[in-house]
mmCIF file of all heavy atoms, coordinates in Angstrom:
data_MODEL
# 
_entry.id   MODEL 
# 
loop_
_atom_site.group_PDB 
_atom_site.id 
_atom_site.type_symbol 
_atom_site.label_atom_id 
_atom_site.label_alt_id 
_atom_site.label_comp_id 
_atom_site.label_asym_id 
_atom_site.label_entity_id 
_atom_site.label_seq_id 
_atom_site.pdbx_PDB_ins_code 
_atom_site.Cartn_x 
_atom_site.Cartn_y 
_atom_site.Cartn_z 
_atom_site.occupancy 
_atom_site.B_iso_or_equiv 
_atom_site.pdbx_formal_charge 
_atom_site.auth_seq_id 
_atom_site.auth_comp_id 
_atom_site.auth_asym_id 
_atom_site.auth_atom_id 
_atom_site.pdbx_PDB_model_num 
ATOM 1   N N   . GLN A 1 1  ? -9.262  -4.046 1.076   1.00 0.00 ? 1  GLN A N   1 
ATOM 2   C CA  . GLN A 1 1  ? -9.151  -4.933 -0.068  1.00 0.00 ? 1  GLN A CA  1 
ATOM 3   C C   . GLN A 1 1  ? -9.900  -4.394 -1.308  1.00 0.00 ? 1  GLN A C   1 
ATOM 4   O O   . GLN A 1 1  ? -9.451  -4.719 -2.414  1.00 0.00 ? 1  GLN A O   1 
ATOM 5   C CB  . GLN A 1 1  ? -9.707  -6.320 0.313   1.00 0.00 ? 1  GLN A CB  1 
ATOM 6   C CG  . GLN A 1 1  ? -8.687  -7.181 1.082   1.00 0.00 ? 1  GLN A CG  1 
ATOM 7   C CD  . GLN A 1 1  ? -7.423  -7.438 0.272   1.00 0.00 ? 1  GLN A CD  1 
ATOM 8   O OE1 . GLN A 1 1  ? -7.473  -7.960 -0.818  1.00 0.00 ? 1  GLN A OE1 1 
ATOM 9   N NE2 . GLN A 1 1  ? -6.268  -7.015 0.840   1.00 0.00 ? 1  GLN A NE2 1 
ATOM 10  N N   . ARG A 1 2  ? -10.948 -3.630 -1.107  1.00 0.00 ? 2  ARG A N   1 
ATOM 11  C CA  . ARG A 1 2  ? -11.703 -3.120 -2.269  1.00 0.00 ? 2  ARG A CA  1 
ATOM 12  C C   . ARG A 1 2  ? -10.746 -2.286 -3.173  1.00 0.00 ? 2  ARG A C   1 
ATOM 13  O O   . ARG A 1 2  ? -10.920 -2.324 -4.449  1.00 0.00 ? 2  ARG A O   1 
ATOM 14  C CB  . ARG A 1 2  ? -12.893 -2.324 -1.859  1.00 0.00 ? 2  ARG A CB  1 
ATOM 15  C CG  . ARG A 1 2  ? -13.660 -1.628 -2.956  1.00 0.00 ? 2  ARG A CG  1 
ATOM 16  C CD  . ARG A 1 2  ? -14.195 -2.626 -4.018  1.00 0.00 ? 2  ARG A CD  1 
ATOM 17  N NE  . ARG A 1 2  ? -15.270 -3.501 -3.487  1.00 0.00 ? 2  ARG A NE  1 
ATOM 18  C CZ  . ARG A 1 2  ? -16.522 -3.241 -3.597  1.00 0.00 ? 2  ARG A CZ  1 
ATOM 19  N NH1 . ARG A 1 2  ? -16.988 -2.084 -4.095  1.00 0.00 ? 2  ARG A NH1 1 
ATOM 20  N NH2 . ARG A 1 2  ? -17.373 -4.100 -3.052  1.00 0.00 ? 2  ARG A NH2 1 
ATOM 21  N N   . ALA A 1 3  ? -9.796  -1.531 -2.590  1.00 0.00 ? 3  ALA A N   1 
ATOM 22  C CA  . ALA A 1 3  ? -8.926  -0.726 -3.363  1.00 0.00 ? 3  ALA A CA  1 
ATOM 23  C C   . ALA A 1 3  ? -8.069  -1.579 -4.314  1.00 0.00 ? 3  ALA A C   1 
ATOM 24  O O   . ALA A 1 3  ? -7.895  -1.287 -5.510  1.00 0.00 ? 3  ALA A O   1 
ATOM 25  C CB  . ALA A 1 3  ? -8.023  0.127  -2.484  1.00 0.00 ? 3  ALA A CB  1 
ATOM 26  N N   . TYR A 1 4  ? -7.484  -2.677 -3.819  1.00 0.00 ? 4  TYR A N   1 
ATOM 27  C CA  . TYR A 1 4  ? -6.685  -3.562 -4.638  1.00 0.00 ? 4  TYR A CA  1 
ATOM 28  C C   . TYR A 1 4  ? -7.567  -4.303 -5.654  1.00 0.00 ? 4  TYR A C   1 
ATOM 29  O O   . TYR A 1 4  ? -7.099  -4.476 -6.847  1.00 0.00 ? 4  TYR A O   1 
ATOM 30  C CB  . TYR A 1 4  ? -5.965  -4.618 -3.719  1.00 0.00 ? 4  TYR A CB  1 
ATOM 31  C CG  . TYR A 1 4  ? -5.114  -3.987 -2.694  1.00 0.00 ? 4  TYR A CG  1 
ATOM 32  C CD1 . TYR A 1 4  ? -5.630  -3.776 -1.388  1.00 0.00 ? 4  TYR A CD1 1 
ATOM 33  C CD2 . TYR A 1 4  ? -3.792  -3.651 -2.930  1.00 0.00 ? 4  TYR A CD2 1 
ATOM 34  C CE1 . TYR A 1 4  ? -4.782  -3.217 -0.384  1.00 0.00 ? 4  TYR A CE1 1 
ATOM 35  C CE2 . TYR A 1 4  ? -2.969  -3.104 -1.952  1.00 0.00 ? 4  TYR A CE2 1 
ATOM 36  C CZ  . TYR A 1 4  ? -3.464  -2.828 -0.648  1.00 0.00 ? 4  TYR A CZ  1 
ATOM 37  O OH  . TYR A 1 4  ? -2.674  -2.294 0.328   1.00 0.00 ? 4  TYR A OH  1 
ATOM 38  N N   . GLU A 1 5  ? -8.725  -4.652 -5.345  1.00 0.00 ? 5  GLU A N   1 
ATOM 39  C CA  . GLU A 1 5  ? -9.641  -5.297 -6.252  1.00 0.00 ? 5  GLU A CA  1 
ATOM 40  C C   . GLU A 1 5  ? -9.988  -4.386 -7.451  1.00 0.00 ? 5  GLU A C   1 
ATOM 41  O O   . GLU A 1 5  ? -10.057 -4.783 -8.560  1.00 0.00 ? 5  GLU A O   1 
ATOM 42  C CB  . GLU A 1 5  ? -10.895 -5.831 -5.569  1.00 0.00 ? 5  GLU A CB  1 
ATOM 43  C CG  . GLU A 1 5  ? -10.654 -6.943 -4.578  1.00 0.00 ? 5  GLU A CG  1 
ATOM 44  C CD  . GLU A 1 5  ? -11.763 -7.158 -3.560  1.00 0.00 ? 5  GLU A CD  1 
ATOM 45  O OE1 . GLU A 1 5  ? -12.787 -6.326 -3.658  1.00 0.00 ? 5  GLU A OE1 1 
ATOM 46  O OE2 . GLU A 1 5  ? -11.696 -8.020 -2.743  1.00 0.00 ? 5  GLU A OE2 1 
ATOM 47  N N   . GLU A 1 6  ? -10.271 -3.042 -7.105  1.00 0.00 ? 6  GLU A N   1 
ATOM 48  C CA  . GLU A 1 6  ? -10.566 -2.127 -8.141  1.00 0.00 ? 6  GLU A CA  1 
ATOM 49  C C   . GLU A 1 6  ? -9.387  -1.985 -9.064  1.00 0.00 ? 6  GLU A C   1 
ATOM 50  O O   . GLU A 1 6  ? -9.495  -1.894 -10.328 1.00 0.00 ? 6  GLU A O   1 
ATOM 51  C CB  . GLU A 1 6  ? -10.922 -0.755 -7.530  1.00 0.00 ? 6  GLU A CB  1 
ATOM 52  C CG  . GLU A 1 6  ? -12.250 -0.727 -6.832  1.00 0.00 ? 6  GLU A CG  1 
ATOM 53  C CD  . GLU A 1 6  ? -13.476 -0.756 -7.771  1.00 0.00 ? 6  GLU A CD  1 
ATOM 54  O OE1 . GLU A 1 6  ? -13.216 -0.772 -9.006  1.00 0.00 ? 6  GLU A OE1 1 
ATOM 55  O OE2 . GLU A 1 6  ? -14.571 -0.861 -7.272  1.00 0.00 ? 6  GLU A OE2 1 
ATOM 56  N N   . ALA A 1 7  ? -8.215  -1.919 -8.534  1.00 0.00 ? 7  ALA A N   1 
ATOM 57  C CA  . ALA A 1 7  ? -6.984  -1.785 -9.326  1.00 0.00 ? 7  ALA A CA  1 
ATOM 58  C C   . ALA A 1 7  ? -6.772  -3.018 -10.242 1.00 0.00 ? 7  ALA A C   1 
ATOM 59  O O   . ALA A 1 7  ? -6.440  -2.836 -11.420 1.00 0.00 ? 7  ALA A O   1 
ATOM 60  C CB  . ALA A 1 7  ? -5.770  -1.558 -8.438  1.00 0.00 ? 7  ALA A CB  1 
ATOM 61  N N   . ASP A 1 8  ? -6.991  -4.181 -9.701  1.00 0.00 ? 8  ASP A N   1 
ATOM 62  C CA  . ASP A 1 8  ? -6.916  -5.444 -10.510 1.00 0.00 ? 8  ASP A CA  1 
ATOM 63  C C   . ASP A 1 8  ? -7.763  -5.405 -11.698 1.00 0.00 ? 8  ASP A C   1 
ATOM 64  O O   . ASP A 1 8  ? -7.365  -5.628 -12.840 1.00 0.00 ? 8  ASP A O   1 
ATOM 65  C CB  . ASP A 1 8  ? -7.254  -6.634 -9.678  1.00 0.00 ? 8  ASP A CB  1 
ATOM 66  C CG  . ASP A 1 8  ? -6.211  -7.015 -8.604  1.00 0.00 ? 8  ASP A CG  1 
ATOM 67  O OD1 . ASP A 1 8  ? -5.073  -6.543 -8.702  1.00 0.00 ? 8  ASP A OD1 1 
ATOM 68  O OD2 . ASP A 1 8  ? -6.561  -7.817 -7.719  1.00 0.00 ? 8  ASP A OD2 1 
ATOM 69  N N   . ARG A 1 9  ? -9.085  -5.087 -11.452 1.00 0.00 ? 9  ARG A N   1 
ATOM 70  C CA  . ARG A 1 9  ? -10.000 -5.183 -12.582 1.00 0.00 ? 9  ARG A CA  1 
ATOM 71  C C   . ARG A 1 9  ? -9.926  -4.029 -13.570 1.00 0.00 ? 9  ARG A C   1 
ATOM 72  O O   . ARG A 1 9  ? -10.313 -4.194 -14.701 1.00 0.00 ? 9  ARG A O   1 
ATOM 73  C CB  . ARG A 1 9  ? -11.435 -5.291 -12.042 1.00 0.00 ? 9  ARG A CB  1 
ATOM 74  C CG  . ARG A 1 9  ? -12.078 -4.069 -11.465 1.00 0.00 ? 9  ARG A CG  1 
ATOM 75  C CD  . ARG A 1 9  ? -13.494 -4.352 -11.047 1.00 0.00 ? 9  ARG A CD  1 
ATOM 76  N NE  . ARG A 1 9  ? -14.208 -3.130 -10.630 1.00 0.00 ? 9  ARG A NE  1 
ATOM 77  C CZ  . ARG A 1 9  ? -14.772 -2.235 -11.401 1.00 0.00 ? 9  ARG A CZ  1 
ATOM 78  N NH1 . ARG A 1 9  ? -14.766 -2.478 -12.691 1.00 0.00 ? 9  ARG A NH1 1 
ATOM 79  N NH2 . ARG A 1 9  ? -15.368 -1.210 -10.939 1.00 0.00 ? 9  ARG A NH2 1 
ATOM 80  N N   . ARG A 1 10 ? -9.337  -2.909 -13.122 1.00 0.00 ? 10 ARG A N   1 
ATOM 81  C CA  . ARG A 1 10 ? -9.133  -1.782 -14.068 1.00 0.00 ? 10 ARG A CA  1 
ATOM 82  C C   . ARG A 1 10 ? -7.806  -1.669 -14.750 1.00 0.00 ? 10 ARG A C   1 
ATOM 83  O O   . ARG A 1 10 ? -7.627  -0.924 -15.640 1.00 0.00 ? 10 ARG A O   1 
ATOM 84  C CB  . ARG A 1 10 ? -9.402  -0.483 -13.280 1.00 0.00 ? 10 ARG A CB  1 
ATOM 85  C CG  . ARG A 1 10 ? -10.779 -0.232 -12.678 1.00 0.00 ? 10 ARG A CG  1 
ATOM 86  C CD  . ARG A 1 10 ? -10.835 0.960  -11.743 1.00 0.00 ? 10 ARG A CD  1 
ATOM 87  N NE  . ARG A 1 10 ? -12.039 1.019  -10.966 1.00 0.00 ? 10 ARG A NE  1 
ATOM 88  C CZ  . ARG A 1 10 ? -13.080 1.784  -11.245 1.00 0.00 ? 10 ARG A CZ  1 
ATOM 89  N NH1 . ARG A 1 10 ? -13.069 2.480  -12.325 1.00 0.00 ? 10 ARG A NH1 1 
ATOM 90  N NH2 . ARG A 1 10 ? -14.118 1.821  -10.439 1.00 0.00 ? 10 ARG A NH2 1 
ATOM 91  N N   . GLY A 1 11 ? -6.877  -2.520 -14.273 1.00 0.00 ? 11 GLY A N   1 
ATOM 92  C CA  . GLY A 1 11 ? -5.545  -2.566 -14.858 1.00 0.00 ? 11 GLY A CA  1 
ATOM 93  C C   . GLY A 1 11 ? -4.651  -1.451 -14.381 1.00 0.00 ? 11 GLY A C   1 
ATOM 94  O O   . GLY A 1 11 ? -3.775  -0.965 -15.110 1.00 0.00 ? 11 GLY A O   1 
ATOM 95  N N   . ILE A 1 12 ? -4.781  -1.024 -13.181 1.00 0.00 ? 12 ILE A N   1 
ATOM 96  C CA  . ILE A 1 12 ? -3.994  0.107  -12.534 1.00 0.00 ? 12 ILE A CA  1 
ATOM 97  C C   . ILE A 1 12 ? -2.871  -0.516 -11.750 1.00 0.00 ? 12 ILE A C   1 
ATOM 98  O O   . ILE A 1 12 ? -3.089  -1.357 -10.854 1.00 0.00 ? 12 ILE A O   1 
ATOM 99  C CB  . ILE A 1 12 ? -4.824  0.992  -11.724 1.00 0.00 ? 12 ILE A CB  1 
ATOM 100 C CG1 . ILE A 1 12 ? -5.912  1.658  -12.604 1.00 0.00 ? 12 ILE A CG1 1 
ATOM 101 C CG2 . ILE A 1 12 ? -3.982  1.995  -11.005 1.00 0.00 ? 12 ILE A CG2 1 
ATOM 102 C CD1 . ILE A 1 12 ? -6.948  2.446  -11.802 1.00 0.00 ? 12 ILE A CD1 1 
ATOM 103 N N   . LEU A 1 13 ? -1.614  -0.113 -12.028 1.00 0.00 ? 13 LEU A N   1 
ATOM 104 C CA  . LEU A 1 13 ? -0.483  -0.648 -11.314 1.00 0.00 ? 13 LEU A CA  1 
ATOM 105 C C   . LEU A 1 13 ? -0.488  0.012  -9.910  1.00 0.00 ? 13 LEU A C   1 
ATOM 106 O O   . LEU A 1 13 ? -0.747  1.224  -9.731  1.00 0.00 ? 13 LEU A O   1 
ATOM 107 C CB  . LEU A 1 13 ? 0.827   -0.369 -11.978 1.00 0.00 ? 13 LEU A CB  1 
ATOM 108 C CG  . LEU A 1 13 ? 0.933   -0.983 -13.382 1.00 0.00 ? 13 LEU A CG  1 
ATOM 109 C CD1 . LEU A 1 13 ? 2.286   -0.658 -14.010 1.00 0.00 ? 13 LEU A CD1 1 
ATOM 110 C CD2 . LEU A 1 13 ? 0.664   -2.463 -13.411 1.00 0.00 ? 13 LEU A CD2 1 
ATOM 111 N N   . ILE A 1 14 ? -0.109  -0.752 -8.875  1.00 0.00 ? 14 ILE A N   1 
ATOM 112 C CA  . ILE A 1 14 ? -0.172  -0.319 -7.504  1.00 0.00 ? 14 ILE A CA  1 
ATOM 113 C C   . ILE A 1 14 ? 1.144   -0.443 -6.780  1.00 0.00 ? 14 ILE A C   1 
ATOM 114 O O   . ILE A 1 14 ? 1.852   -1.464 -6.855  1.00 0.00 ? 14 ILE A O   1 
ATOM 115 C CB  . ILE A 1 14 ? -1.239  -1.153 -6.736  1.00 0.00 ? 14 ILE A CB  1 
ATOM 116 C CG1 . ILE A 1 14 ? -2.666  -0.817 -7.221  1.00 0.00 ? 14 ILE A CG1 1 
ATOM 117 C CG2 . ILE A 1 14 ? -1.157  -0.953 -5.196  1.00 0.00 ? 14 ILE A CG2 1 
ATOM 118 C CD1 . ILE A 1 14 ? -3.128  0.566  -6.849  1.00 0.00 ? 14 ILE A CD1 1 
ATOM 119 N N   . LEU A 1 15 ? 1.501   0.650  -6.045  1.00 0.00 ? 15 LEU A N   1 
ATOM 120 C CA  . LEU A 1 15 ? 2.514   0.551  -5.034  1.00 0.00 ? 15 LEU A CA  1 
ATOM 121 C C   . LEU A 1 15 ? 1.791   0.583  -3.651  1.00 0.00 ? 15 LEU A C   1 
ATOM 122 O O   . LEU A 1 15 ? 0.865   1.319  -3.437  1.00 0.00 ? 15 LEU A O   1 
ATOM 123 C CB  . LEU A 1 15 ? 3.465   1.767  -5.053  1.00 0.00 ? 15 LEU A CB  1 
ATOM 124 C CG  . LEU A 1 15 ? 4.401   1.907  -6.249  1.00 0.00 ? 15 LEU A CG  1 
ATOM 125 C CD1 . LEU A 1 15 ? 5.208   3.156  -6.156  1.00 0.00 ? 15 LEU A CD1 1 
ATOM 126 C CD2 . LEU A 1 15 ? 5.281   0.687  -6.384  1.00 0.00 ? 15 LEU A CD2 1 
ATOM 127 N N   . THR A 1 16 ? 2.207   -0.294 -2.760  1.00 0.00 ? 16 THR A N   1 
ATOM 128 C CA  . THR A 1 16 ? 1.559   -0.392 -1.429  1.00 0.00 ? 16 THR A CA  1 
ATOM 129 C C   . THR A 1 16 ? 2.618   -0.515 -0.377  1.00 0.00 ? 16 THR A C   1 
ATOM 130 O O   . THR A 1 16 ? 3.717   -1.096 -0.674  1.00 0.00 ? 16 THR A O   1 
ATOM 131 C CB  . THR A 1 16 ? 0.499   -1.544 -1.389  1.00 0.00 ? 16 THR A CB  1 
ATOM 132 O OG1 . THR A 1 16 ? -0.221  -1.488 -0.139  1.00 0.00 ? 16 THR A OG1 1 
ATOM 133 C CG2 . THR A 1 16 ? 1.151   -2.864 -1.575  1.00 0.00 ? 16 THR A CG2 1 
ATOM 134 N N   . GLU A 1 17 ? 2.404   -0.041 0.828   1.00 0.00 ? 17 GLU A N   1 
ATOM 135 C CA  . GLU A 1 17 ? 3.472   0.058  1.794   1.00 0.00 ? 17 GLU A CA  1 
ATOM 136 C C   . GLU A 1 17 ? 2.975   -0.105 3.254   1.00 0.00 ? 17 GLU A C   1 
ATOM 137 O O   . GLU A 1 17 ? 1.775   0.060  3.503   1.00 0.00 ? 17 GLU A O   1 
ATOM 138 C CB  . GLU A 1 17 ? 4.187   1.410  1.657   1.00 0.00 ? 17 GLU A CB  1 
ATOM 139 C CG  . GLU A 1 17 ? 3.293   2.598  1.869   1.00 0.00 ? 17 GLU A CG  1 
ATOM 140 C CD  . GLU A 1 17 ? 3.942   3.912  1.423   1.00 0.00 ? 17 GLU A CD  1 
ATOM 141 O OE1 . GLU A 1 17 ? 4.678   3.858  0.350   1.00 0.00 ? 17 GLU A OE1 1 
ATOM 142 O OE2 . GLU A 1 17 ? 3.738   4.978  2.045   1.00 0.00 ? 17 GLU A OE2 1 
ATOM 143 N N   . VAL A 1 18 ? 3.907   -0.418 4.111   1.00 0.00 ? 18 VAL A N   1 
ATOM 144 C CA  . VAL A 1 18 ? 3.620   -0.466 5.501   1.00 0.00 ? 18 VAL A CA  1 
ATOM 145 C C   . VAL A 1 18 ? 3.850   0.920  6.092   1.00 0.00 ? 18 VAL A C   1 
ATOM 146 O O   . VAL A 1 18 ? 4.534   1.761  5.511   1.00 0.00 ? 18 VAL A O   1 
ATOM 147 C CB  . VAL A 1 18 ? 4.577   -1.509 6.261   1.00 0.00 ? 18 VAL A CB  1 
ATOM 148 C CG1 . VAL A 1 18 ? 4.184   -2.940 5.864   1.00 0.00 ? 18 VAL A CG1 1 
ATOM 149 C CG2 . VAL A 1 18 ? 6.052   -1.209 5.965   1.00 0.00 ? 18 VAL A CG2 1 
ATOM 150 N N   . PRO A 1 19 ? 3.271   1.156  7.285   1.00 0.00 ? 19 PRO A N   1 
ATOM 151 C CA  . PRO A 1 19 ? 3.297   2.605  7.867   1.00 0.00 ? 19 PRO A CA  1 
ATOM 152 C C   . PRO A 1 19 ? 4.593   2.866  8.575   1.00 0.00 ? 19 PRO A C   1 
ATOM 153 O O   . PRO A 1 19 ? 4.527   3.485  9.674   1.00 0.00 ? 19 PRO A O   1 
ATOM 154 C CB  . PRO A 1 19 ? 2.074   2.629  8.791   1.00 0.00 ? 19 PRO A CB  1 
ATOM 155 C CG  . PRO A 1 19 ? 1.918   1.189  9.215   1.00 0.00 ? 19 PRO A CG  1 
ATOM 156 C CD  . PRO A 1 19 ? 2.313   0.333  8.012   1.00 0.00 ? 19 PRO A CD  1 
ATOM 157 N N   . ILE A 1 20 ? 5.750   2.577  8.017   1.00 0.00 ? 20 ILE A N   1 
ATOM 158 C CA  . ILE A 1 20 ? 7.003   3.015  8.543   1.00 0.00 ? 20 ILE A CA  1 
ATOM 159 C C   . ILE A 1 20 ? 7.194   4.394  8.078   1.00 0.00 ? 20 ILE A C   1 
ATOM 160 O O   . ILE A 1 20 ? 7.614   4.596  6.904   1.00 0.00 ? 20 ILE A O   1 
ATOM 161 C CB  . ILE A 1 20 ? 8.160   2.097  8.167   1.00 0.00 ? 20 ILE A CB  1 
ATOM 162 C CG1 . ILE A 1 20 ? 7.867   0.662  8.517   1.00 0.00 ? 20 ILE A CG1 1 
ATOM 163 C CG2 . ILE A 1 20 ? 9.469   2.575  8.753   1.00 0.00 ? 20 ILE A CG2 1 
ATOM 164 C CD1 . ILE A 1 20 ? 7.732   0.437  10.021  1.00 0.00 ? 20 ILE A CD1 1 
ATOM 165 N N   . ASN A 1 21 ? 6.868   5.412  8.874   1.00 0.00 ? 21 ASN A N   1 
ATOM 166 C CA  . ASN A 1 21 ? 6.749   6.785  8.396   1.00 0.00 ? 21 ASN A CA  1 
ATOM 167 C C   . ASN A 1 21 ? 7.307   7.760  9.418   1.00 0.00 ? 21 ASN A C   1 
ATOM 168 O O   . ASN A 1 21 ? 6.963   7.728  10.583  1.00 0.00 ? 21 ASN A O   1 
ATOM 169 C CB  . ASN A 1 21 ? 5.261   7.058  8.097   1.00 0.00 ? 21 ASN A CB  1 
ATOM 170 C CG  . ASN A 1 21 ? 5.107   8.312  7.274   1.00 0.00 ? 21 ASN A CG  1 
ATOM 171 O OD1 . ASN A 1 21 ? 5.219   9.411  7.733   1.00 0.00 ? 21 ASN A OD1 1 
ATOM 172 N ND2 . ASN A 1 21 ? 4.701   8.084  6.028   1.00 0.00 ? 21 ASN A ND2 1 
ATOM 173 N N   . SER A 1 22 ? 8.228   8.592  8.897   1.00 0.00 ? 22 SER A N   1 
ATOM 174 C CA  . SER A 1 22 ? 8.779   9.744  9.750   1.00 0.00 ? 22 SER A CA  1 
ATOM 175 C C   . SER A 1 22 ? 9.758   9.273  10.841  1.00 0.00 ? 22 SER A C   1 
ATOM 176 O O   . SER A 1 22 ? 10.860  9.726  10.927  1.00 0.00 ? 22 SER A O   1 
ATOM 177 C CB  . SER A 1 22 ? 7.664   10.542 10.375  1.00 0.00 ? 22 SER A CB  1 
ATOM 178 O OG  . SER A 1 22 ? 6.781   11.081 9.470   1.00 0.00 ? 22 SER A OG  1 
ATOM 179 N N   . LEU A 1 23 ? 9.289   8.364  11.637  1.00 0.00 ? 23 LEU A N   1 
ATOM 180 C CA  . LEU A 1 23 ? 10.030  7.949  12.834  1.00 0.00 ? 23 LEU A CA  1 
ATOM 181 C C   . LEU A 1 23 ? 10.146  6.413  12.997  1.00 0.00 ? 23 LEU A C   1 
ATOM 182 O O   . LEU A 1 23 ? 9.163   5.747  12.603  1.00 0.00 ? 23 LEU A O   1 
ATOM 183 C CB  . LEU A 1 23 ? 9.459   8.522  14.104  1.00 0.00 ? 23 LEU A CB  1 
ATOM 184 C CG  . LEU A 1 23 ? 9.317   10.026 14.229  1.00 0.00 ? 23 LEU A CG  1 
ATOM 185 C CD1 . LEU A 1 23 ? 8.464   10.377 15.452  1.00 0.00 ? 23 LEU A CD1 1 
ATOM 186 C CD2 . LEU A 1 23 ? 10.662  10.726 14.282  1.00 0.00 ? 23 LEU A CD2 1 
ATOM 187 N N   . VAL A 1 24 ? 11.193  5.939  13.530  1.00 0.00 ? 24 VAL A N   1 
ATOM 188 C CA  . VAL A 1 24 ? 11.301  4.530  13.921  1.00 0.00 ? 24 VAL A CA  1 
ATOM 189 C C   . VAL A 1 24 ? 11.897  4.456  15.308  1.00 0.00 ? 24 VAL A C   1 
ATOM 190 O O   . VAL A 1 24 ? 12.545  5.398  15.763  1.00 0.00 ? 24 VAL A O   1 
ATOM 191 C CB  . VAL A 1 24 ? 12.179  3.697  12.948  1.00 0.00 ? 24 VAL A CB  1 
ATOM 192 C CG1 . VAL A 1 24 ? 11.528  3.678  11.565  1.00 0.00 ? 24 VAL A CG1 1 
ATOM 193 C CG2 . VAL A 1 24 ? 13.595  4.235  12.837  1.00 0.00 ? 24 VAL A CG2 1 
ATOM 194 N N   . ALA A 1 25 ? 11.720  3.313  15.967  1.00 0.00 ? 25 ALA A N   1 
ATOM 195 C CA  . ALA A 1 25 ? 12.274  3.135  17.329  1.00 0.00 ? 25 ALA A CA  1 
ATOM 196 C C   . ALA A 1 25 ? 13.255  2.042  17.307  1.00 0.00 ? 25 ALA A C   1 
ATOM 197 O O   . ALA A 1 25 ? 13.017  0.924  16.712  1.00 0.00 ? 25 ALA A O   1 
ATOM 198 C CB  . ALA A 1 25 ? 11.148  2.835  18.302  1.00 0.00 ? 25 ALA A CB  1 
ATOM 199 N N   . ASP A 1 26 ? 14.415  2.283  17.860  1.00 0.00 ? 26 ASP A N   1 
ATOM 200 C CA  . ASP A 1 26 ? 15.471  1.300  17.932  1.00 0.00 ? 26 ASP A CA  1 
ATOM 201 C C   . ASP A 1 26 ? 15.226  0.305  19.100  1.00 0.00 ? 26 ASP A C   1 
ATOM 202 O O   . ASP A 1 26 ? 16.071  0.235  19.996  1.00 0.00 ? 26 ASP A O   1 
ATOM 203 C CB  . ASP A 1 26 ? 16.856  1.922  18.026  1.00 0.00 ? 26 ASP A CB  1 
ATOM 204 C CG  . ASP A 1 26 ? 17.992  1.010  17.823  1.00 0.00 ? 26 ASP A CG  1 
ATOM 205 O OD1 . ASP A 1 26 ? 17.772  -0.113 17.301  1.00 0.00 ? 26 ASP A OD1 1 
ATOM 206 O OD2 . ASP A 1 26 ? 19.149  1.347  18.168  1.00 0.00 ? 26 ASP A OD2 1 
ATOM 207 N N   . THR A 1 27 ? 14.166  -0.458 18.966  1.00 0.00 ? 27 THR A N   1 
ATOM 208 C CA  . THR A 1 27 ? 13.828  -1.431 20.023  1.00 0.00 ? 27 THR A CA  1 
ATOM 209 C C   . THR A 1 27 ? 13.416  -2.739 19.336  1.00 0.00 ? 27 THR A C   1 
ATOM 210 O O   . THR A 1 27 ? 12.939  -2.712 18.149  1.00 0.00 ? 27 THR A O   1 
ATOM 211 C CB  . THR A 1 27 ? 12.617  -0.958 20.910  1.00 0.00 ? 27 THR A CB  1 
ATOM 212 O OG1 . THR A 1 27 ? 11.467  -0.912 20.072  1.00 0.00 ? 27 THR A OG1 1 
ATOM 213 C CG2 . THR A 1 27 ? 12.927  0.383  21.501  1.00 0.00 ? 27 THR A CG2 1 
# 
């Protein structure tokens, strides 16, 4: 949360994501 709070107070736009990376499972 500190990363998002720093971005809020400094005015930095943020992209954030879930760890769906490289591979997925069809289950």
